[in-house]
Amino acid sequence: MTRIAMLAMHHLERCLLLEARSDPHPWGKMNWLRSLRDDHCLGLWEGEELLGISCYTLVLDDVSLLNIVVDTDSRGRGVGRQLLSDGLEWMQQFGGARCLLEVRESNTVARALYTKLGFAEDGIRKNYYPLGDGYEHAVLMSADLPLGE
């Protein structure tokens, strides 16, 4: 059985390990330290195994999805969808009325999930994400809350 729970500073090593296994463009230790301290980070657990993480911040009534990471072995099982849906429900408790996010232009799987959940593409942020040999555009997306699944 899976459960979603808030993450805290003592989960830092678990976050770093999950990201190292699953994300070719990791956030890194300093970003995780800041986010675990200042933002709302949720983990999806199956027993003692961390399957995924989503992190959010709230400014007025705008929720920003800062990061979402799903363990490579757990992809295709609805982990990302559950993290996002439950995370945005959680953020509505704090006054979130709209969600904003940026996603790599090349991340077609994530873009398809966001679109399916009701997010619209709002624009492009050029050369936003660093790559080994250059930069990649970010697609800006938003949706009103609650999501119209």
C-alpha atoms as a PDB file:
ATOM      1  CA  MET A   1       0.000   0.000   0.000  1.00  0.00           C
ATOM      2  CA  THR A   2       1.274   3.458  -0.873  1.00  0.00           C
ATOM      3  CA  ARG A   3       1.095   6.584   1.258  1.00  0.00           C
ATOM      4  CA  ILE A   4       1.978  10.240   0.779  1.00  0.00           C
ATOM      5  CA  ALA A   5       3.781  12.084   3.555  1.00  0.00           C
ATOM      6  CA  MET A   6       5.603  15.377   4.042  1.00  0.00           C
ATOM      7  CA  LEU A   7       9.370  15.201   3.712  1.00  0.00           C
ATOM      8  CA  ALA A   8      11.746  16.956   6.092  1.00  0.00           C
ATOM      9  CA  MET A   9      15.457  17.657   6.382  1.00  0.00           C
ATOM     10  CA  HIS A  10      16.163  14.151   7.676  1.00  0.00           C
ATOM     11  CA  HIS A  11      15.002  12.822   4.269  1.00  0.00           C
ATOM     12  CA  LEU A  12      17.760  14.692   2.394  1.00  0.00           C
ATOM     13  CA  GLU A  13      19.888  11.628   1.640  1.00  0.00           C
ATOM     14  CA  ARG A  14      16.823   9.705   0.394  1.00  0.00           C
ATOM     15  CA  CYS A  15      15.951  12.608  -1.932  1.00  0.00           C
ATOM     16  CA  LEU A  16      19.493  12.800  -3.282  1.00  0.00           C
ATOM     17  CA  LEU A  17      19.647   9.039  -3.829  1.00  0.00           C
ATOM     18  CA  LEU A  18      16.294   8.915  -5.624  1.00  0.00           C
ATOM     19  CA  GLU A  19      17.243  11.840  -7.824  1.00  0.00           C
ATOM     20  CA  ALA A  20      20.677  10.397  -8.661  1.00  0.00           C
ATOM     21  CA  ARG A  21      19.031   7.138  -9.765  1.00  0.00           C
ATOM     22  CA  SER A  22      16.223   8.743 -11.724  1.00  0.00           C
ATOM     23  CA  ASP A  23      17.020  12.199 -13.051  1.00  0.00           C
ATOM     24  CA  PRO A  24      19.662  12.899 -15.718  1.00  0.00           C
ATOM     25  CA  HIS A  25      19.555  16.600 -14.714  1.00  0.00           C
ATOM     26  CA  PRO A  26      19.608  16.544 -10.894  1.00  0.00           C
ATOM     27  CA  TRP A  27      18.650  19.470  -8.703  1.00  0.00           C
ATOM     28  CA  GLY A  28      21.600  18.959  -6.378  1.00  0.00           C
ATOM     29  CA  LYS A  29      22.119  19.132  -2.647  1.00  0.00           C
ATOM     30  CA  MET A  30      21.734  22.902  -2.156  1.00  0.00           C
ATOM     31  CA  ASN A  31      18.360  23.023  -3.909  1.00  0.00           C
ATOM     32  CA  TRP A  32      17.119  20.053  -1.896  1.00  0.00           C
ATOM     33  CA  LEU A  33      18.286  21.627   1.368  1.00  0.00           C
ATOM     34  CA  ARG A  34      16.457  24.860   0.567  1.00  0.00           C
ATOM     35  CA  SER A  35      13.299  23.149  -0.614  1.00  0.00           C
ATOM     36  CA  LEU A  36      13.071  20.711   2.307  1.00  0.00           C
ATOM     37  CA  ARG A  37      13.494  23.688   4.638  1.00  0.00           C
ATOM     38  CA  ASP A  38      11.292  26.297   2.929  1.00  0.00           C
ATOM     39  CA  ASP A  39       8.789  24.551   0.653  1.00  0.00           C
ATOM     40  CA  HIS A  40       6.203  21.753   0.713  1.00  0.00           C
ATOM     41  CA  CYS A  41       7.870  18.481  -0.328  1.00  0.00           C
ATOM     42  CA  LEU A  42       5.803  15.316  -0.434  1.00  0.00           C
ATOM     43  CA  GLY A  43       7.052  11.777  -0.812  1.00  0.00           C
ATOM     44  CA  LEU A  44       5.117   8.815  -2.119  1.00  0.00           C
ATOM     45  CA  TRP A  45       6.152   5.749  -0.146  1.00  0.00           C
ATOM     46  CA  GLU A  46       5.530   2.043  -0.572  1.00  0.00           C
ATOM     47  CA  GLY A  47       6.486   0.607   2.783  1.00  0.00           C
ATOM     48  CA  GLU A  48       9.944   2.026   3.456  1.00  0.00           C
ATOM     49  CA  GLU A  49      10.703   2.662  -0.227  1.00  0.00           C
ATOM     50  CA  LEU A  50      10.502   6.231  -1.556  1.00  0.00           C
ATOM     51  CA  LEU A  51       8.965   5.993  -5.040  1.00  0.00           C
ATOM     52  CA  GLY A  52       8.673   9.677  -5.876  1.00  0.00           C
ATOM     53  CA  ILE A  53       8.840  13.254  -4.665  1.00  0.00           C
ATOM     54  CA  SER A  54       6.990  16.433  -5.546  1.00  0.00           C
ATOM     55  CA  CYS A  55       7.888  19.891  -4.222  1.00  0.00           C
ATOM     56  CA  TYR A  56       5.714  23.005  -4.248  1.00  0.00           C
ATOM     57  CA  THR A  57       5.880  26.612  -3.177  1.00  0.00           C
ATOM     58  CA  LEU A  58       3.015  29.036  -2.690  1.00  0.00           C
ATOM     59  CA  VAL A  59       2.996  32.772  -3.457  1.00  0.00           C
ATOM     60  CA  LEU A  60      -0.378  34.344  -2.700  1.00  0.00           C
ATOM     61  CA  ASP A  61      -2.735  31.867  -4.420  1.00  0.00           C
ATOM     62  CA  ASP A  62      -0.268  30.596  -7.053  1.00  0.00           C
ATOM     63  CA  VAL A  63       1.248  27.175  -6.440  1.00  0.00           C
ATOM     64  CA  SER A  64       4.469  26.472  -8.315  1.00  0.00           C
ATOM     65  CA  LEU A  65       5.519  22.898  -8.941  1.00  0.00           C
ATOM     66  CA  LEU A  66       9.249  23.131  -8.271  1.00  0.00           C
ATOM     67  CA  ASN A  67      10.253  19.547  -8.906  1.00  0.00           C
ATOM     68  CA  ILE A  68       8.797  16.116  -9.402  1.00  0.00           C
ATOM     69  CA  VAL A  69      10.976  13.008  -9.457  1.00  0.00           C
ATOM     70  CA  VAL A  70       9.754   9.450  -9.937  1.00  0.00           C
ATOM     71  CA  ASP A  71      12.011   6.455  -9.349  1.00  0.00           C
ATOM     72  CA  THR A  72      12.972   4.870 -12.654  1.00  0.00           C
ATOM     73  CA  ASP A  73      11.596   1.478 -11.565  1.00  0.00           C
ATOM     74  CA  SER A  74       8.228   3.036 -10.625  1.00  0.00           C
ATOM     75  CA  ARG A  75       7.503   4.874 -13.860  1.00  0.00           C
ATOM     76  CA  GLY A  76       4.367   3.964 -15.770  1.00  0.00           C
ATOM     77  CA  ARG A  77       2.532   3.026 -12.540  1.00  0.00           C
ATOM     78  CA  GLY A  78       0.745   6.341 -11.936  1.00  0.00           C
ATOM     79  CA  VAL A  79       3.224   7.580  -9.310  1.00  0.00           C
ATOM     80  CA  GLY A  80       3.732  10.966 -10.975  1.00  0.00           C
ATOM     81  CA  ARG A  81       0.016  11.459 -11.464  1.00  0.00           C
ATOM     82  CA  GLN A  82      -0.725  10.591  -7.825  1.00  0.00           C
ATOM     83  CA  LEU A  83       2.049  12.853  -6.534  1.00  0.00           C
ATOM     84  CA  LEU A  84       0.807  15.778  -8.579  1.00  0.00           C
ATOM     85  CA  SER A  85      -2.899  15.262  -7.879  1.00  0.00           C
ATOM     86  CA  ASP A  86      -2.451  14.694  -4.138  1.00  0.00           C
ATOM     87  CA  GLY A  87       0.154  17.446  -3.881  1.00  0.00           C
ATOM     88  CA  LEU A  88      -2.103  20.021  -5.487  1.00  0.00           C
ATOM     89  CA  GLU A  89      -5.007  18.941  -3.274  1.00  0.00           C
ATOM     90  CA  TRP A  90      -2.658  19.443  -0.316  1.00  0.00           C
ATOM     91  CA  MET A  91      -1.652  22.914  -1.545  1.00  0.00           C
ATOM     92  CA  GLN A  92      -5.293  23.996  -1.865  1.00  0.00           C
ATOM     93  CA  GLN A  93      -5.502  23.763   1.941  1.00  0.00           C
ATOM     94  CA  PHE A  94      -3.053  26.684   2.041  1.00  0.00           C
ATOM     95  CA  GLY A  95      -5.000  28.795  -0.457  1.00  0.00           C
ATOM     96  CA  GLY A  96      -3.630  27.523  -3.769  1.00  0.00           C
ATOM     97  CA  ALA A  97      -6.014  28.389  -6.608  1.00  0.00           C
ATOM     98  CA  ARG A  98      -3.763  27.918  -9.647  1.00  0.00           C
ATOM     99  CA  CYS A  99      -0.666  25.847 -10.413  1.00  0.00           C
ATOM    100  CA  LEU A 100       2.239  27.037 -12.527  1.00  0.00           C
ATOM    101  CA  LEU A 101       5.076  24.860 -13.766  1.00  0.00           C
ATOM    102  CA  GLU A 102       7.976  24.686 -16.170  1.00  0.00           C
ATOM    103  CA  VAL A 103       8.906  21.485 -17.956  1.00  0.00           C
ATOM    104  CA  ARG A 104      11.744  20.626 -20.295  1.00  0.00           C
ATOM    105  CA  GLU A 105      10.616  20.919 -23.897  1.00  0.00           C
ATOM    106  CA  SER A 106      11.958  17.406 -24.531  1.00  0.00           C
ATOM    107  CA  ASN A 107      10.028  15.830 -21.633  1.00  0.00           C
ATOM    108  CA  THR A 108       7.085  14.642 -23.698  1.00  0.00           C
ATOM    109  CA  VAL A 109       5.911  12.121 -21.066  1.00  0.00           C
ATOM    110  CA  ALA A 110       5.534  14.813 -18.389  1.00  0.00           C
ATOM    111  CA  ARG A 111       3.961  17.271 -20.831  1.00  0.00           C
ATOM    112  CA  ALA A 112       1.382  14.656 -21.852  1.00  0.00           C
ATOM    113  CA  LEU A 113       0.533  13.965 -18.188  1.00  0.00           C
ATOM    114  CA  TYR A 114       0.153  17.667 -17.409  1.00  0.00           C
ATOM    115  CA  THR A 115      -2.068  18.168 -20.459  1.00  0.00           C
ATOM    116  CA  LYS A 116      -4.203  15.161 -19.508  1.00  0.00           C
ATOM    117  CA  LEU A 117      -4.673  16.653 -16.025  1.00  0.00           C
ATOM    118  CA  GLY A 118      -5.897  19.950 -17.497  1.00  0.00           C
ATOM    119  CA  PHE A 119      -2.757  22.076 -17.782  1.00  0.00           C
ATOM    120  CA  ALA A 120      -2.471  24.436 -20.738  1.00  0.00           C
ATOM    121  CA  GLU A 121       0.767  25.539 -22.384  1.00  0.00           C
ATOM    122  CA  ASP A 122       1.271  29.249 -21.753  1.00  0.00           C
ATOM    123  CA  GLY A 123       4.571  29.911 -23.476  1.00  0.00           C
ATOM    124  CA  ILE A 124       8.260  29.131 -23.754  1.00  0.00           C
ATOM    125  CA  ARG A 125      11.145  30.240 -21.570  1.00  0.00           C
ATOM    126  CA  LYS A 126      14.081  30.105 -23.973  1.00  0.00           C
ATOM    127  CA  ASN A 127      17.368  28.466 -22.989  1.00  0.00           C
ATOM    128  CA  TYR A 128      16.195  27.860 -19.422  1.00  0.00           C
ATOM    129  CA  TYR A 129      17.469  24.389 -18.534  1.00  0.00           C
ATOM    130  CA  PRO A 130      21.210  23.710 -18.745  1.00  0.00           C
ATOM    131  CA  LEU A 131      22.390  20.738 -20.767  1.00  0.00           C
ATOM    132  CA  GLY A 132      25.882  19.352 -21.019  1.00  0.00           C
ATOM    133  CA  ASP A 133      26.536  21.212 -24.259  1.00  0.00           C
ATOM    134  CA  GLY A 134      24.050  24.083 -24.146  1.00  0.00           C
ATOM    135  CA  TYR A 135      20.535  24.853 -22.962  1.00  0.00           C
ATOM    136  CA  GLU A 136      17.004  23.605 -23.467  1.00  0.00           C
ATOM    137  CA  HIS A 137      13.778  25.602 -23.575  1.00  0.00           C
ATOM    138  CA  ALA A 138      11.196  25.304 -20.799  1.00  0.00           C
ATOM    139  CA  VAL A 139       7.509  25.016 -21.629  1.00  0.00           C
ATOM    140  CA  LEU A 140       5.404  27.105 -19.238  1.00  0.00           C
ATOM    141  CA  MET A 141       2.110  25.501 -18.207  1.00  0.00           C
ATOM    142  CA  SER A 142      -0.712  26.351 -15.807  1.00  0.00           C
ATOM    143  CA  ALA A 143      -4.030  25.028 -14.543  1.00  0.00           C
ATOM    144  CA  ASP A 144      -6.737  26.260 -12.222  1.00  0.00           C
ATOM    145  CA  LEU A 145      -7.321  24.243  -9.065  1.00  0.00           C
ATOM    146  CA  PRO A 146      -8.886  21.894  -8.380  1.00  0.00           C
ATOM    147  CA  LEU A 147      -7.741  19.984 -11.423  1.00  0.00           C
ATOM    148  CA  GLY A 148     -10.549  18.899 -13.699  1.00  0.00           C
ATOM    149  CA  GLU A 149      -9.531  15.262 -13.967  1.00  0.00           C
END
